[in-house]
């Protein structure tokens, strides 16, 4: 049985990527594909290694039924490029940062999350860190839309 490993990536791994991880986990569990789709998240920076997600992200997620509390910030590691089939990134700056350290043979795994969105035509997931609570709600809106599209794309890969 084939499986797919996905890592969501943002800058610090305390706002956007853990939100996307939680949304995707929920969708994958609901689809009964937890044994076939492996999900994780990481940051390109090292400021928040070991820290829980931002409290504002946790509050917004909790209102929608997602639990970010078990997650902890981590930085992308060299072995992640081989370990994951897809590195789903939140914005162009982090695509550039990831591409700079990614071995050439794995660069085709790097994709923007919003490529998979079906309702929101934004190119990137906004960074809510320096804003107010509304930004965290917007991140969840974007993640829910794009993760639904990502799951649909992954289903076709699992079948083939």
N, C-alpha and C. Protein backbone atom coordinates (compact mmCIF):
# COMPACT_ATOMS: atom_id res chain seq x y z
N UNK A 1 0.85 -1.18 0.00
CA UNK A 1 0.00 0.00 0.00
C UNK A 1 0.89 1.24 0.00
N UNK A 2 0.68 2.11 -0.98
CA UNK A 2 1.51 3.31 -1.03
C UNK A 2 1.01 4.38 -0.06
N UNK A 3 1.94 5.23 0.35
CA UNK A 3 1.59 6.33 1.25
C UNK A 3 2.29 7.59 0.75
N UNK A 4 1.82 8.72 1.26
CA UNK A 4 2.38 10.01 0.90
C UNK A 4 2.68 10.78 2.17
N UNK A 5 3.87 11.36 2.24
CA UNK A 5 4.27 12.16 3.40
C UNK A 5 4.32 13.63 2.99
N UNK A 6 3.64 14.47 3.78
CA UNK A 6 3.51 15.89 3.49
C UNK A 6 4.01 16.70 4.69
N UNK A 7 4.83 17.70 4.42
CA UNK A 7 5.28 18.61 5.47
C UNK A 7 4.89 20.04 5.09
N UNK A 8 4.14 20.70 5.96
CA UNK A 8 3.76 22.09 5.76
C UNK A 8 4.87 22.98 6.34
N UNK A 9 5.24 24.02 5.61
CA UNK A 9 6.38 24.84 6.01
C UNK A 9 6.03 26.33 5.99
N UNK A 10 6.38 27.01 7.09
CA UNK A 10 6.30 28.47 7.14
C UNK A 10 7.58 28.98 7.80
N UNK A 11 7.58 30.19 8.27
CA UNK A 11 8.81 30.78 8.82
C UNK A 11 9.18 30.19 10.18
N UNK A 12 8.30 30.32 11.17
CA UNK A 12 8.64 29.92 12.53
C UNK A 12 7.97 28.66 13.02
N UNK A 13 7.03 28.12 12.26
CA UNK A 13 6.31 26.91 12.63
C UNK A 13 5.50 27.09 13.91
N UNK A 14 4.90 28.29 14.07
CA UNK A 14 4.02 28.51 15.22
C UNK A 14 2.66 29.10 14.84
N UNK A 15 2.46 29.44 13.57
CA UNK A 15 1.18 30.02 13.15
C UNK A 15 0.58 29.25 11.97
N UNK A 16 1.12 29.53 10.79
CA UNK A 16 0.52 29.01 9.56
C UNK A 16 0.71 27.52 9.36
N UNK A 17 1.95 27.03 9.45
CA UNK A 17 2.17 25.61 9.16
C UNK A 17 1.52 24.69 10.20
N UNK A 18 1.52 25.01 11.51
CA UNK A 18 0.78 24.13 12.41
C UNK A 18 -0.74 24.19 12.18
N UNK A 19 -1.22 25.36 11.77
CA UNK A 19 -2.65 25.47 11.45
C UNK A 19 -2.99 24.57 10.26
N UNK A 20 -2.16 24.62 9.22
CA UNK A 20 -2.37 23.77 8.06
C UNK A 20 -2.25 22.29 8.44
N UNK A 21 -1.28 21.97 9.28
CA UNK A 21 -1.11 20.59 9.73
C UNK A 21 -2.38 20.09 10.43
N UNK A 22 -2.92 20.90 11.33
CA UNK A 22 -4.12 20.49 12.08
C UNK A 22 -5.33 20.35 11.16
N UNK A 23 -5.50 21.28 10.24
CA UNK A 23 -6.62 21.21 9.29
C UNK A 23 -6.49 19.95 8.44
N UNK A 24 -5.29 19.71 7.92
CA UNK A 24 -5.08 18.54 7.06
C UNK A 24 -5.26 17.24 7.83
N UNK A 25 -4.77 17.18 9.05
CA UNK A 25 -4.95 15.97 9.87
C UNK A 25 -6.43 15.65 10.02
N UNK A 26 -7.21 16.70 10.29
CA UNK A 26 -8.65 16.52 10.46
C UNK A 26 -9.30 15.98 9.19
N UNK A 27 -8.95 16.57 8.06
CA UNK A 27 -9.51 16.12 6.78
C UNK A 27 -9.09 14.68 6.46
N UNK A 28 -7.83 14.36 6.72
CA UNK A 28 -7.32 13.02 6.44
C UNK A 28 -7.98 11.99 7.35
N UNK A 29 -8.15 12.32 8.61
CA UNK A 29 -8.84 11.41 9.53
C UNK A 29 -10.29 11.19 9.10
N UNK A 30 -10.95 12.28 8.73
CA UNK A 30 -12.33 12.20 8.27
C UNK A 30 -12.45 11.31 7.03
N UNK A 31 -11.45 11.38 6.16
CA UNK A 31 -11.42 10.58 4.94
C UNK A 31 -10.92 9.15 5.18
N UNK A 32 -10.58 8.85 6.43
CA UNK A 32 -10.05 7.54 6.82
C UNK A 32 -8.78 7.17 6.02
N UNK A 33 -7.90 8.17 5.90
CA UNK A 33 -6.64 7.96 5.18
C UNK A 33 -5.41 8.20 6.06
N UNK A 34 -5.60 8.22 7.37
CA UNK A 34 -4.49 8.49 8.29
C UNK A 34 -3.35 7.48 8.17
N UNK A 35 -3.66 6.28 7.75
CA UNK A 35 -2.62 5.26 7.60
C UNK A 35 -1.86 5.41 6.28
N UNK A 36 -2.35 6.30 5.39
CA UNK A 36 -1.72 6.45 4.07
C UNK A 36 -1.14 7.83 3.81
N UNK A 37 -1.60 8.83 4.59
CA UNK A 37 -1.08 10.19 4.42
C UNK A 37 -0.44 10.63 5.72
N UNK A 38 0.86 10.84 5.69
CA UNK A 38 1.64 11.26 6.86
C UNK A 38 1.77 12.77 6.81
N UNK A 39 1.51 13.43 7.94
CA UNK A 39 1.48 14.89 7.97
C UNK A 39 2.38 15.40 9.08
N UNK A 40 3.11 16.47 8.77
CA UNK A 40 3.98 17.12 9.74
C UNK A 40 4.08 18.59 9.35
N UNK A 41 4.79 19.36 10.15
CA UNK A 41 5.06 20.76 9.80
C UNK A 41 6.42 21.17 10.34
N UNK A 42 6.96 22.23 9.76
CA UNK A 42 8.28 22.73 10.17
C UNK A 42 8.40 24.19 9.76
N UNK A 43 9.44 24.83 10.28
CA UNK A 43 9.73 26.21 9.92
C UNK A 43 11.08 26.31 9.25
N UNK A 44 11.27 27.38 8.48
CA UNK A 44 12.59 27.61 7.89
C UNK A 44 13.51 28.27 8.91
N UNK A 45 12.95 28.96 9.90
CA UNK A 45 13.73 29.62 10.95
C UNK A 45 13.83 28.78 12.20
N UNK A 46 14.72 29.19 13.10
CA UNK A 46 14.96 28.40 14.32
C UNK A 46 14.50 29.09 15.61
N UNK A 47 13.75 30.19 15.51
CA UNK A 47 13.40 30.98 16.69
C UNK A 47 12.45 30.27 17.65
N UNK A 48 11.63 29.38 17.14
CA UNK A 48 10.56 28.81 17.97
C UNK A 48 10.66 27.30 18.15
N UNK A 49 11.84 26.75 18.00
CA UNK A 49 12.03 25.30 18.16
C UNK A 49 11.57 24.90 19.56
N UNK A 50 10.70 23.92 19.62
CA UNK A 50 10.19 23.39 20.89
C UNK A 50 9.04 24.18 21.49
N UNK A 51 8.69 25.32 20.90
CA UNK A 51 7.61 26.14 21.45
C UNK A 51 6.25 25.67 20.91
N UNK A 52 5.21 25.84 21.71
CA UNK A 52 3.86 25.53 21.20
C UNK A 52 3.44 26.59 20.18
N UNK A 53 2.42 26.30 19.40
CA UNK A 53 1.92 27.30 18.46
C UNK A 53 1.47 28.57 19.19
N UNK A 54 1.50 29.68 18.47
CA UNK A 54 1.05 30.97 18.97
C UNK A 54 -0.34 30.82 19.62
N UNK A 55 -0.52 31.45 20.77
CA UNK A 55 -1.80 31.34 21.49
C UNK A 55 -2.97 31.81 20.65
N UNK A 56 -2.76 32.84 19.83
CA UNK A 56 -3.84 33.34 18.97
C UNK A 56 -4.22 32.29 17.92
N UNK A 57 -3.23 31.58 17.39
CA UNK A 57 -3.50 30.51 16.43
C UNK A 57 -4.26 29.38 17.12
N UNK A 58 -3.85 29.06 18.35
CA UNK A 58 -4.53 27.99 19.09
C UNK A 58 -5.98 28.35 19.38
N UNK A 59 -6.22 29.60 19.78
CA UNK A 59 -7.60 30.04 20.08
C UNK A 59 -8.48 29.97 18.83
N UNK A 60 -7.98 30.51 17.73
CA UNK A 60 -8.76 30.50 16.48
C UNK A 60 -9.04 29.06 16.04
N UNK A 61 -8.04 28.22 16.12
CA UNK A 61 -8.20 26.82 15.72
C UNK A 61 -9.21 26.10 16.61
N UNK A 62 -9.11 26.34 17.90
CA UNK A 62 -10.01 25.68 18.85
C UNK A 62 -11.47 26.01 18.57
N UNK A 63 -11.72 27.27 18.18
CA UNK A 63 -13.09 27.67 17.85
C UNK A 63 -13.66 26.85 16.70
N UNK A 64 -12.77 26.34 15.86
CA UNK A 64 -13.22 25.54 14.70
C UNK A 64 -13.06 24.04 14.93
N UNK A 65 -12.63 23.67 16.13
CA UNK A 65 -12.52 22.25 16.45
C UNK A 65 -11.17 21.63 16.19
N UNK A 66 -10.15 22.43 15.93
CA UNK A 66 -8.80 21.92 15.72
C UNK A 66 -7.98 22.10 16.99
N UNK A 67 -7.15 21.11 17.30
CA UNK A 67 -6.32 21.17 18.50
C UNK A 67 -4.85 21.30 18.10
N UNK A 68 -4.28 22.48 18.33
CA UNK A 68 -2.87 22.71 18.03
C UNK A 68 -1.97 22.45 19.23
N UNK A 69 -2.56 22.23 20.40
CA UNK A 69 -1.77 22.17 21.64
C UNK A 69 -0.68 21.09 21.66
N UNK A 70 -0.84 19.94 21.02
CA UNK A 70 0.26 18.96 21.06
C UNK A 70 1.44 19.31 20.16
N UNK A 71 1.26 20.23 19.24
CA UNK A 71 2.30 20.54 18.26
C UNK A 71 3.40 21.41 18.87
N UNK A 72 4.61 21.24 18.38
CA UNK A 72 5.75 22.03 18.83
C UNK A 72 6.55 22.46 17.61
N UNK A 73 7.07 23.69 17.68
CA UNK A 73 7.85 24.23 16.58
C UNK A 73 9.12 23.44 16.35
N UNK A 74 9.44 23.24 15.09
CA UNK A 74 10.70 22.60 14.72
C UNK A 74 11.18 23.23 13.43
N UNK A 75 12.47 23.14 13.21
CA UNK A 75 13.07 23.67 11.99
C UNK A 75 13.25 22.54 10.99
N UNK A 76 13.07 22.86 9.73
CA UNK A 76 13.27 21.87 8.67
C UNK A 76 14.69 21.32 8.77
N UNK A 77 14.83 20.02 8.55
CA UNK A 77 16.15 19.37 8.63
C UNK A 77 16.52 18.80 7.26
N UNK A 78 17.78 18.57 7.06
CA UNK A 78 18.27 18.04 5.78
C UNK A 78 17.56 16.75 5.39
N UNK A 79 17.32 15.88 6.36
CA UNK A 79 16.69 14.59 6.04
C UNK A 79 15.21 14.73 5.64
N UNK A 80 14.60 15.87 5.97
CA UNK A 80 13.19 16.08 5.60
C UNK A 80 13.00 16.11 4.09
N UNK A 81 14.01 16.55 3.36
CA UNK A 81 13.86 16.64 1.90
C UNK A 81 13.69 15.27 1.26
N UNK A 82 14.32 14.26 1.82
CA UNK A 82 14.15 12.90 1.32
C UNK A 82 12.93 12.23 1.95
N UNK A 83 12.66 12.56 3.20
CA UNK A 83 11.58 11.91 3.95
C UNK A 83 10.19 12.25 3.41
N UNK A 84 9.99 13.50 3.00
CA UNK A 84 8.66 13.94 2.57
C UNK A 84 8.52 13.93 1.05
N UNK A 85 7.32 13.56 0.60
CA UNK A 85 7.00 13.57 -0.83
C UNK A 85 6.64 14.98 -1.30
N UNK A 86 6.07 15.76 -0.39
CA UNK A 86 5.68 17.14 -0.69
C UNK A 86 6.08 18.05 0.45
N UNK A 87 6.63 19.20 0.12
CA UNK A 87 6.92 20.25 1.09
C UNK A 87 6.01 21.41 0.69
N UNK A 88 4.94 21.59 1.46
CA UNK A 88 3.89 22.54 1.12
C UNK A 88 4.15 23.84 1.90
N UNK A 89 4.48 24.88 1.16
CA UNK A 89 4.99 26.12 1.75
C UNK A 89 3.93 27.22 1.71
N UNK A 90 4.01 28.12 2.70
CA UNK A 90 2.98 29.14 2.87
C UNK A 90 3.18 30.40 2.03
N UNK A 91 4.43 30.75 1.71
CA UNK A 91 4.64 31.98 0.95
C UNK A 91 5.94 31.91 0.15
N UNK A 92 6.12 32.91 -0.70
CA UNK A 92 7.28 32.93 -1.61
C UNK A 92 8.62 33.05 -0.89
N UNK A 93 8.67 33.83 0.21
CA UNK A 93 9.92 33.97 0.95
C UNK A 93 10.38 32.62 1.49
N UNK A 94 9.44 31.84 1.98
CA UNK A 94 9.80 30.53 2.52
C UNK A 94 10.09 29.52 1.42
N UNK A 95 9.47 29.70 0.25
CA UNK A 95 9.86 28.86 -0.90
C UNK A 95 11.32 29.13 -1.22
N UNK A 96 11.71 30.41 -1.26
CA UNK A 96 13.10 30.77 -1.56
C UNK A 96 14.05 30.22 -0.51
N UNK A 97 13.67 30.35 0.77
CA UNK A 97 14.53 29.86 1.86
C UNK A 97 14.68 28.34 1.78
N UNK A 98 13.60 27.65 1.49
CA UNK A 98 13.63 26.19 1.40
C UNK A 98 14.43 25.75 0.18
N UNK A 99 14.21 26.40 -0.94
CA UNK A 99 14.92 26.06 -2.17
C UNK A 99 16.43 26.25 -2.00
N UNK A 100 16.82 27.25 -1.25
CA UNK A 100 18.24 27.53 -1.04
C UNK A 100 18.97 26.40 -0.31
N UNK A 101 18.26 25.65 0.53
CA UNK A 101 18.91 24.57 1.29
C UNK A 101 18.50 23.17 0.81
N UNK A 102 17.59 23.13 -0.15
CA UNK A 102 17.09 21.85 -0.65
C UNK A 102 18.03 21.26 -1.70
N UNK A 103 18.35 19.97 -1.56
CA UNK A 103 19.14 19.33 -2.62
C UNK A 103 18.37 19.40 -3.95
N UNK A 104 19.08 19.64 -5.05
CA UNK A 104 18.41 19.81 -6.35
C UNK A 104 17.44 18.70 -6.72
N UNK A 105 17.76 17.47 -6.34
CA UNK A 105 16.89 16.34 -6.72
C UNK A 105 15.55 16.32 -5.99
N UNK A 106 15.39 17.18 -4.99
CA UNK A 106 14.12 17.23 -4.24
C UNK A 106 13.35 18.54 -4.43
N UNK A 107 13.87 19.45 -5.23
CA UNK A 107 13.23 20.77 -5.37
C UNK A 107 11.84 20.70 -5.99
N UNK A 108 11.56 19.66 -6.76
CA UNK A 108 10.23 19.54 -7.37
C UNK A 108 9.15 19.19 -6.34
N UNK A 109 9.55 18.89 -5.12
CA UNK A 109 8.60 18.59 -4.04
C UNK A 109 8.05 19.86 -3.40
N UNK A 110 8.66 21.00 -3.65
CA UNK A 110 8.28 22.26 -3.02
C UNK A 110 7.13 22.89 -3.79
N UNK A 111 6.01 23.10 -3.09
CA UNK A 111 4.82 23.69 -3.71
C UNK A 111 4.19 24.69 -2.74
N UNK A 112 3.53 25.69 -3.26
CA UNK A 112 2.76 26.62 -2.43
C UNK A 112 1.42 26.00 -2.06
N UNK A 113 1.02 26.15 -0.81
CA UNK A 113 -0.26 25.59 -0.37
C UNK A 113 -1.42 26.14 -1.19
N UNK A 114 -1.40 27.44 -1.46
CA UNK A 114 -2.54 28.06 -2.13
C UNK A 114 -2.71 27.62 -3.58
N UNK A 115 -1.74 26.88 -4.13
CA UNK A 115 -1.93 26.27 -5.46
C UNK A 115 -3.11 25.31 -5.45
N UNK A 116 -3.45 24.79 -4.28
CA UNK A 116 -4.49 23.78 -4.17
C UNK A 116 -5.85 24.37 -3.80
N UNK A 117 -5.91 25.66 -3.55
CA UNK A 117 -7.17 26.30 -3.17
C UNK A 117 -8.15 26.30 -4.34
N UNK A 118 -9.42 26.18 -4.01
CA UNK A 118 -10.45 26.18 -5.05
C UNK A 118 -11.38 27.39 -4.94
N UNK A 119 -11.40 28.05 -3.79
CA UNK A 119 -12.30 29.19 -3.60
C UNK A 119 -11.54 30.50 -3.43
N UNK A 120 -10.34 30.45 -2.93
CA UNK A 120 -9.53 31.64 -2.66
C UNK A 120 -8.43 31.72 -3.71
N UNK A 121 -8.35 32.85 -4.41
CA UNK A 121 -7.34 32.95 -5.47
C UNK A 121 -6.05 33.64 -5.01
N UNK A 122 -5.84 33.74 -3.69
CA UNK A 122 -4.60 34.29 -3.16
C UNK A 122 -3.43 33.39 -3.53
N UNK A 123 -2.27 34.00 -3.74
CA UNK A 123 -1.08 33.22 -4.06
C UNK A 123 -0.45 32.60 -2.81
N UNK A 124 -0.53 33.32 -1.69
CA UNK A 124 0.14 32.86 -0.46
C UNK A 124 -0.81 32.90 0.72
N UNK A 125 -0.44 32.16 1.76
CA UNK A 125 -1.16 32.22 3.03
C UNK A 125 -0.55 33.41 3.79
N UNK A 126 -1.40 34.33 4.19
CA UNK A 126 -0.92 35.55 4.86
C UNK A 126 -0.25 35.20 6.20
N UNK A 127 0.73 36.00 6.58
CA UNK A 127 1.40 35.80 7.87
C UNK A 127 0.68 36.66 8.90
N UNK A 128 0.01 36.03 9.87
CA UNK A 128 -0.80 36.77 10.84
C UNK A 128 -0.02 37.25 12.07
N UNK A 129 1.24 36.89 12.17
CA UNK A 129 2.00 37.05 13.42
C UNK A 129 1.97 38.47 13.97
N UNK A 130 2.14 39.48 13.14
CA UNK A 130 2.20 40.85 13.63
C UNK A 130 0.86 41.58 13.54
N UNK A 131 -0.19 40.83 13.25
CA UNK A 131 -1.52 41.42 13.14
C UNK A 131 -2.42 41.07 14.31
N UNK A 132 -3.71 41.22 14.08
CA UNK A 132 -4.69 40.92 15.13
C UNK A 132 -5.31 39.54 14.92
N UNK A 133 -6.29 39.22 15.75
CA UNK A 133 -6.91 37.89 15.71
C UNK A 133 -7.55 37.56 14.37
N UNK A 134 -8.02 38.58 13.64
CA UNK A 134 -8.65 38.33 12.34
C UNK A 134 -7.70 37.63 11.37
N UNK A 135 -6.41 37.93 11.48
CA UNK A 135 -5.43 37.29 10.61
C UNK A 135 -5.37 35.79 10.81
N UNK A 136 -5.54 35.35 12.03
CA UNK A 136 -5.50 33.92 12.33
C UNK A 136 -6.75 33.22 11.79
N UNK A 137 -7.87 33.93 11.81
CA UNK A 137 -9.10 33.39 11.20
C UNK A 137 -8.91 33.27 9.69
N UNK A 138 -8.30 34.27 9.09
CA UNK A 138 -8.05 34.26 7.64
C UNK A 138 -7.13 33.10 7.26
N UNK A 139 -6.10 32.87 8.08
CA UNK A 139 -5.20 31.73 7.83
C UNK A 139 -5.99 30.43 7.82
N UNK A 140 -6.88 30.26 8.77
CA UNK A 140 -7.68 29.03 8.81
C UNK A 140 -8.59 28.92 7.61
N UNK A 141 -9.19 30.04 7.18
CA UNK A 141 -10.01 30.02 5.97
C UNK A 141 -9.18 29.53 4.78
N UNK A 142 -7.99 30.09 4.64
CA UNK A 142 -7.12 29.71 3.53
C UNK A 142 -6.69 28.25 3.64
N UNK A 143 -6.33 27.82 4.84
CA UNK A 143 -5.88 26.43 5.04
C UNK A 143 -7.01 25.44 4.77
N UNK A 144 -8.21 25.75 5.23
CA UNK A 144 -9.33 24.84 4.99
C UNK A 144 -9.59 24.68 3.50
N UNK A 145 -9.59 25.78 2.77
CA UNK A 145 -9.82 25.74 1.33
C UNK A 145 -8.71 24.95 0.63
N UNK A 146 -7.47 25.33 0.86
CA UNK A 146 -6.35 24.71 0.16
C UNK A 146 -6.13 23.26 0.57
N UNK A 147 -6.33 22.94 1.83
CA UNK A 147 -6.13 21.55 2.28
C UNK A 147 -7.19 20.62 1.68
N UNK A 148 -8.40 21.13 1.47
CA UNK A 148 -9.41 20.32 0.78
C UNK A 148 -8.93 19.98 -0.63
N UNK A 149 -8.40 20.99 -1.32
CA UNK A 149 -7.86 20.76 -2.66
C UNK A 149 -6.65 19.85 -2.66
N UNK A 150 -5.79 20.01 -1.66
CA UNK A 150 -4.62 19.15 -1.53
C UNK A 150 -5.04 17.70 -1.31
N UNK A 151 -6.01 17.49 -0.44
CA UNK A 151 -6.48 16.13 -0.19
C UNK A 151 -7.03 15.51 -1.47
N UNK A 152 -7.79 16.27 -2.23
CA UNK A 152 -8.32 15.75 -3.51
C UNK A 152 -7.16 15.35 -4.43
N UNK A 153 -6.12 16.17 -4.50
CA UNK A 153 -4.96 15.84 -5.34
C UNK A 153 -4.23 14.59 -4.82
N UNK A 154 -4.11 14.47 -3.50
CA UNK A 154 -3.42 13.31 -2.93
C UNK A 154 -4.21 12.03 -3.17
N UNK A 155 -5.52 12.13 -3.12
CA UNK A 155 -6.34 10.92 -3.38
C UNK A 155 -6.04 10.34 -4.76
N UNK A 156 -5.86 11.21 -5.74
CA UNK A 156 -5.58 10.70 -7.09
C UNK A 156 -4.21 10.03 -7.13
N UNK A 157 -3.25 10.52 -6.36
CA UNK A 157 -1.92 9.90 -6.30
C UNK A 157 -1.98 8.56 -5.60
N UNK A 158 -2.82 8.45 -4.58
CA UNK A 158 -2.92 7.19 -3.83
C UNK A 158 -3.55 6.09 -4.68
N UNK A 159 -4.41 6.48 -5.60
CA UNK A 159 -5.09 5.50 -6.47
C UNK A 159 -4.17 5.02 -7.57
N UNK A 160 -3.34 5.92 -8.09
CA UNK A 160 -2.50 5.54 -9.24
C UNK A 160 -1.30 4.71 -8.83
